[in-house]
């Protein structure tokens, strides 16, 4: 049985205040965040094979490794030094520093632990085309749209901690090939995501001053949820329905 996304009526409240905008943003998260996707329900419920989990981790690496590129683009959009300083730690969170481990390295520990060759993962040769298109579209979005929209697109972080908690508990419970040592990416994001989301929410509440700007903020978050959702669609089509496209990763048969 697949999980059905809850059907909630879209709020018809005018976006005439920051509070109204925030309510709309939280509604978008409650109805469109990719935690609701059937592929995630299978992943967290222990209903995937090791090969299917490998396919998820391999494809997700392209998203994770593109986040600091996206954040560098966002940073370049601002002349305000204080804002650049605030945003810069996001790049270090993922890339790490000369003597510290970042999120990308933690994700590679996950793929290592799942038995994937690190050179193959980093090459991104085996990812689905839809993964590449969706992630690249996100990077292009923050480059081409307004700085306000670029920051607003990161607001999916408002909803990430509950997903990470569900992922940690579900995967450790259901998969004997998963142990806590390879789940450190998610454990670290439990602290980082709320901090980043709080800053982005404060920013859009302060700088989206008209109904049109508030609508643009909401549309940016909707776009980001679409980018995340379509990646799950592609994984489901390829690795659950069995339509793996040419050139994509093919799990070994158990």
Protein backbone atom coordinates (compact mmCIF):
# COMPACT_ATOMS: atom_id res chain seq x y z
CA UNK A 1 0.00 0.00 0.00
CA UNK A 2 1.42 3.39 -0.95
CA UNK A 3 1.16 6.42 1.30
CA UNK A 4 -1.29 9.03 0.08
CA UNK A 5 -0.43 12.71 0.33
CA UNK A 6 -2.98 14.43 2.59
CA UNK A 7 -5.47 16.55 0.71
CA UNK A 8 -5.70 19.96 2.33
CA UNK A 9 -7.40 22.99 0.88
CA UNK A 10 -4.98 25.68 -0.20
CA UNK A 11 -5.34 28.69 2.07
CA UNK A 12 -7.15 31.58 0.45
CA UNK A 13 -5.85 34.08 2.99
CA UNK A 14 -4.45 37.19 1.29
CA UNK A 15 -0.68 37.56 1.64
CA UNK A 16 -1.00 40.96 3.29
CA UNK A 17 1.37 40.29 6.17
CA UNK A 18 4.48 38.34 7.10
CA UNK A 19 2.38 36.11 9.35
CA UNK A 20 0.02 35.25 6.48
CA UNK A 21 3.03 34.43 4.29
CA UNK A 22 4.53 32.19 6.95
CA UNK A 23 1.24 30.31 7.30
CA UNK A 24 1.23 29.76 3.54
CA UNK A 25 4.84 28.55 3.61
CA UNK A 26 4.06 26.04 6.33
CA UNK A 27 1.05 24.83 4.37
CA UNK A 28 3.31 24.25 1.35
CA UNK A 29 5.60 22.16 3.52
CA UNK A 30 2.72 20.20 5.01
CA UNK A 31 1.33 19.27 1.60
CA UNK A 32 4.28 19.22 -0.81
CA UNK A 33 7.47 18.27 1.06
CA UNK A 34 9.07 15.11 -0.26
CA UNK A 35 8.75 13.35 3.09
CA UNK A 36 5.25 12.52 1.82
CA UNK A 37 6.50 10.70 -1.27
CA UNK A 38 5.84 6.93 -1.46
CA UNK A 39 9.54 6.24 -2.10
CA UNK A 40 10.43 7.75 1.28
CA UNK A 41 7.76 5.66 2.97
CA UNK A 42 9.32 2.54 1.49
CA UNK A 43 12.83 3.69 2.45
CA UNK A 44 12.00 4.48 6.06
CA UNK A 45 9.74 1.48 6.50
CA UNK A 46 12.39 -1.05 5.59
CA UNK A 47 10.67 -2.11 2.38
CA UNK A 48 13.57 -1.52 -0.02
CA UNK A 49 16.38 -3.86 -0.97
CA UNK A 50 19.97 -2.90 -0.33
CA UNK A 51 20.35 -2.18 -4.05
CA UNK A 52 17.42 0.23 -3.97
CA UNK A 53 18.89 2.00 -0.95
CA UNK A 54 22.20 2.22 -2.81
CA UNK A 55 20.41 3.81 -5.78
CA UNK A 56 18.83 6.41 -3.48
CA UNK A 57 22.14 7.28 -1.79
CA UNK A 58 23.99 7.43 -5.13
CA UNK A 59 21.46 9.81 -6.68
CA UNK A 60 21.14 11.92 -3.57
CA UNK A 61 24.91 12.47 -3.62
CA UNK A 62 24.50 14.69 -6.66
CA UNK A 63 22.10 16.90 -4.73
CA UNK A 64 24.33 16.98 -1.64
CA UNK A 65 27.45 17.83 -3.63
CA UNK A 66 25.61 20.61 -5.45
CA UNK A 67 24.38 22.37 -2.29
CA UNK A 68 27.62 24.29 -1.63
CA UNK A 69 27.68 25.31 -5.31
CA UNK A 70 24.13 26.59 -4.91
CA UNK A 71 25.06 28.42 -1.72
CA UNK A 72 28.10 30.01 -3.37
CA UNK A 73 25.78 31.32 -6.07
CA UNK A 74 23.40 32.73 -3.46
CA UNK A 75 26.30 34.34 -1.61
CA UNK A 76 27.46 36.02 -4.83
CA UNK A 77 24.08 37.73 -5.19
CA UNK A 78 24.61 40.01 -2.16
CA UNK A 79 26.82 43.01 -1.54
CA UNK A 80 25.87 43.04 2.15
CA UNK A 81 28.96 41.68 3.92
CA UNK A 82 27.07 40.62 7.05
CA UNK A 83 24.67 38.57 4.99
CA UNK A 84 27.55 36.94 3.12
CA UNK A 85 29.19 36.07 6.43
CA UNK A 86 25.95 34.51 7.64
CA UNK A 87 25.49 32.49 4.47
CA UNK A 88 29.11 31.38 4.16
CA UNK A 89 28.93 28.80 6.93
CA UNK A 90 26.48 26.82 4.81
CA UNK A 91 29.24 26.18 2.29
CA UNK A 92 31.60 25.04 5.03
CA UNK A 93 28.86 22.86 6.54
CA UNK A 94 28.83 20.82 3.32
CA UNK A 95 32.35 21.20 1.93
CA UNK A 96 34.02 21.08 5.31
CA UNK A 97 37.24 22.96 6.01
CA UNK A 98 40.89 22.04 5.74
CA UNK A 99 40.79 20.21 9.07
CA UNK A 100 37.09 19.47 9.51
CA UNK A 101 34.67 17.02 7.96
CA UNK A 102 31.68 18.41 6.07
CA UNK A 103 28.35 17.05 4.93
CA UNK A 104 29.64 15.79 1.60
CA UNK A 105 32.28 13.66 3.34
CA UNK A 106 29.61 12.36 5.72
CA UNK A 107 27.43 11.42 2.75
CA UNK A 108 30.35 9.57 1.18
CA UNK A 109 30.69 7.62 4.42
CA UNK A 110 27.10 6.54 3.90
CA UNK A 111 27.75 5.41 0.32
CA UNK A 112 30.98 3.72 1.45
CA UNK A 113 29.05 1.87 4.12
CA UNK A 114 26.48 0.77 1.56
CA UNK A 115 29.24 -0.82 -0.50
CA UNK A 116 29.40 1.69 -3.35
CA UNK A 117 32.74 2.55 -4.92
CA UNK A 118 33.64 6.10 -3.91
CA UNK A 119 35.16 7.04 -7.27
CA UNK A 120 31.98 5.87 -8.98
CA UNK A 121 29.79 7.88 -6.61
CA UNK A 122 31.85 11.05 -7.04
CA UNK A 123 31.85 10.68 -10.81
CA UNK A 124 28.00 10.89 -10.79
CA UNK A 125 28.04 8.70 -13.92
CA UNK A 126 25.33 6.39 -12.64
CA UNK A 127 22.73 8.90 -11.54
CA UNK A 128 19.35 9.26 -13.19
CA UNK A 129 18.93 12.01 -15.79
CA UNK A 130 15.96 13.37 -13.85
CA UNK A 131 18.17 13.76 -10.78
CA UNK A 132 20.70 15.78 -12.72
CA UNK A 133 18.05 17.93 -14.41
CA UNK A 134 16.23 18.69 -11.15
CA UNK A 135 19.35 19.58 -9.18
CA UNK A 136 20.79 21.69 -11.98
CA UNK A 137 17.46 23.49 -12.27
CA UNK A 138 17.71 24.41 -8.59
CA UNK A 139 21.20 25.88 -9.04
CA UNK A 140 19.99 27.83 -12.09
CA UNK A 141 16.99 29.09 -10.11
CA UNK A 142 19.10 30.74 -7.40
CA UNK A 143 21.33 32.21 -10.11
CA UNK A 144 18.56 33.64 -12.28
CA UNK A 145 15.78 34.68 -9.93
CA UNK A 146 15.81 37.49 -7.39
CA UNK A 147 18.01 37.21 -4.29
CA UNK A 148 14.82 37.11 -2.20
CA UNK A 149 13.58 34.08 -4.15
CA UNK A 150 17.01 32.46 -3.93
CA UNK A 151 16.92 32.58 -0.14
CA UNK A 152 13.25 31.58 -0.02
CA UNK A 153 13.97 28.41 -1.97
CA UNK A 154 16.07 27.15 0.96
CA UNK A 155 13.06 27.16 3.28
CA UNK A 156 12.53 23.42 2.83
CA UNK A 157 14.95 23.30 5.77
CA UNK A 158 11.98 24.23 7.95
CA UNK A 159 10.67 20.71 7.43
CA UNK A 160 13.93 18.73 7.23
CA UNK A 161 14.57 17.86 10.90
CA UNK A 162 11.47 15.70 11.28
CA UNK A 163 12.41 13.88 8.06
CA UNK A 164 15.95 13.29 9.33
CA UNK A 165 14.65 11.95 12.64
CA UNK A 166 12.30 9.57 10.83
CA UNK A 167 15.11 8.48 8.51
CA UNK A 168 17.59 7.79 11.30
CA UNK A 169 15.17 5.75 13.40
CA UNK A 170 13.55 3.94 10.47
CA UNK A 171 16.69 2.93 8.66
CA UNK A 172 18.53 1.83 11.80
CA UNK A 173 15.51 -0.22 12.84
CA UNK A 174 14.79 -1.94 9.55
CA UNK A 175 18.09 -2.50 7.72
CA UNK A 176 20.80 -4.79 9.06
CA UNK A 177 23.29 -3.22 6.63
CA UNK A 178 22.87 0.23 8.25
CA UNK A 179 24.67 1.22 11.46
CA UNK A 180 24.91 4.58 13.28
CA UNK A 181 28.45 5.29 12.05
CA UNK A 182 27.23 5.88 8.48
CA UNK A 183 24.24 8.01 9.48
CA UNK A 184 26.21 10.98 10.79
CA UNK A 185 25.10 13.26 7.95
CA UNK A 186 21.52 13.20 9.20
CA UNK A 187 22.48 13.45 12.85
CA UNK A 188 24.51 16.60 12.17
CA UNK A 189 21.72 18.20 10.12
CA UNK A 190 19.40 17.98 13.13
CA UNK A 191 21.31 20.99 14.49
CA UNK A 192 22.28 22.74 11.27
CA UNK A 193 18.94 22.77 9.43
CA UNK A 194 16.92 24.59 12.13
CA UNK A 195 19.61 27.27 12.44
CA UNK A 196 19.65 27.84 8.68
CA UNK A 197 15.86 27.76 8.39
CA UNK A 198 15.44 30.30 11.17
CA UNK A 199 17.73 32.75 9.39
CA UNK A 200 16.04 32.31 6.01
CA UNK A 201 12.58 32.69 7.52
CA UNK A 202 13.56 35.88 9.32
CA UNK A 203 15.03 37.21 6.09
CA UNK A 204 11.96 36.63 3.95
CA UNK A 205 9.63 37.93 6.66
CA UNK A 206 11.61 41.17 6.77
CA UNK A 207 12.32 41.64 3.05
CA UNK A 208 9.11 40.44 1.39
CA UNK A 209 7.15 43.63 1.93
CA UNK A 210 4.37 43.44 -0.67
CA UNK A 211 1.80 40.74 -1.51
CA UNK A 212 3.61 40.20 -4.81
CA UNK A 213 6.95 39.65 -3.09
CA UNK A 214 5.34 37.32 -0.55
CA UNK A 215 3.78 35.34 -3.39
CA UNK A 216 7.21 35.09 -5.02
CA UNK A 217 8.59 33.70 -1.77
CA UNK A 218 5.85 31.06 -1.65
CA UNK A 219 6.37 30.21 -5.31
CA UNK A 220 10.11 29.76 -4.70
CA UNK A 221 9.44 27.26 -1.94
CA UNK A 222 6.95 25.45 -4.18
CA UNK A 223 9.60 25.25 -6.91
CA UNK A 224 12.09 23.74 -4.46
CA UNK A 225 9.60 21.14 -3.25
CA UNK A 226 9.01 20.21 -6.90
CA UNK A 227 12.77 19.75 -7.41
CA UNK A 228 12.91 17.40 -4.43
CA UNK A 229 9.72 15.54 -5.32
CA UNK A 230 10.69 14.79 -8.92
CA UNK A 231 13.89 13.14 -7.71
CA UNK A 232 11.78 10.69 -5.70
CA UNK A 233 9.51 10.15 -8.70
CA UNK A 234 12.53 9.19 -10.78
CA UNK A 235 13.84 6.78 -8.13
CA UNK A 236 10.43 5.14 -7.80
CA UNK A 237 10.00 4.76 -11.55
CA UNK A 238 13.48 3.33 -12.04
CA UNK A 239 14.06 1.21 -8.96
CA UNK A 240 10.59 0.27 -7.69
CA UNK A 241 8.71 0.00 -10.97
CA UNK A 242 11.84 -1.39 -12.62
CA UNK A 243 12.35 1.03 -15.49
CA UNK A 244 16.08 1.72 -15.10
CA UNK A 245 17.22 3.92 -18.01
CA UNK A 246 20.34 3.20 -20.08
CA UNK A 247 23.56 4.15 -18.33
CA UNK A 248 22.04 4.42 -14.87
CA UNK A 249 23.20 2.42 -11.85
CA UNK A 250 21.88 -1.14 -11.76
CA UNK A 251 21.95 -2.87 -8.39
CA UNK A 252 23.45 -6.32 -8.17
CA UNK A 253 20.85 -9.04 -7.95
CA UNK A 254 20.54 -10.41 -4.40
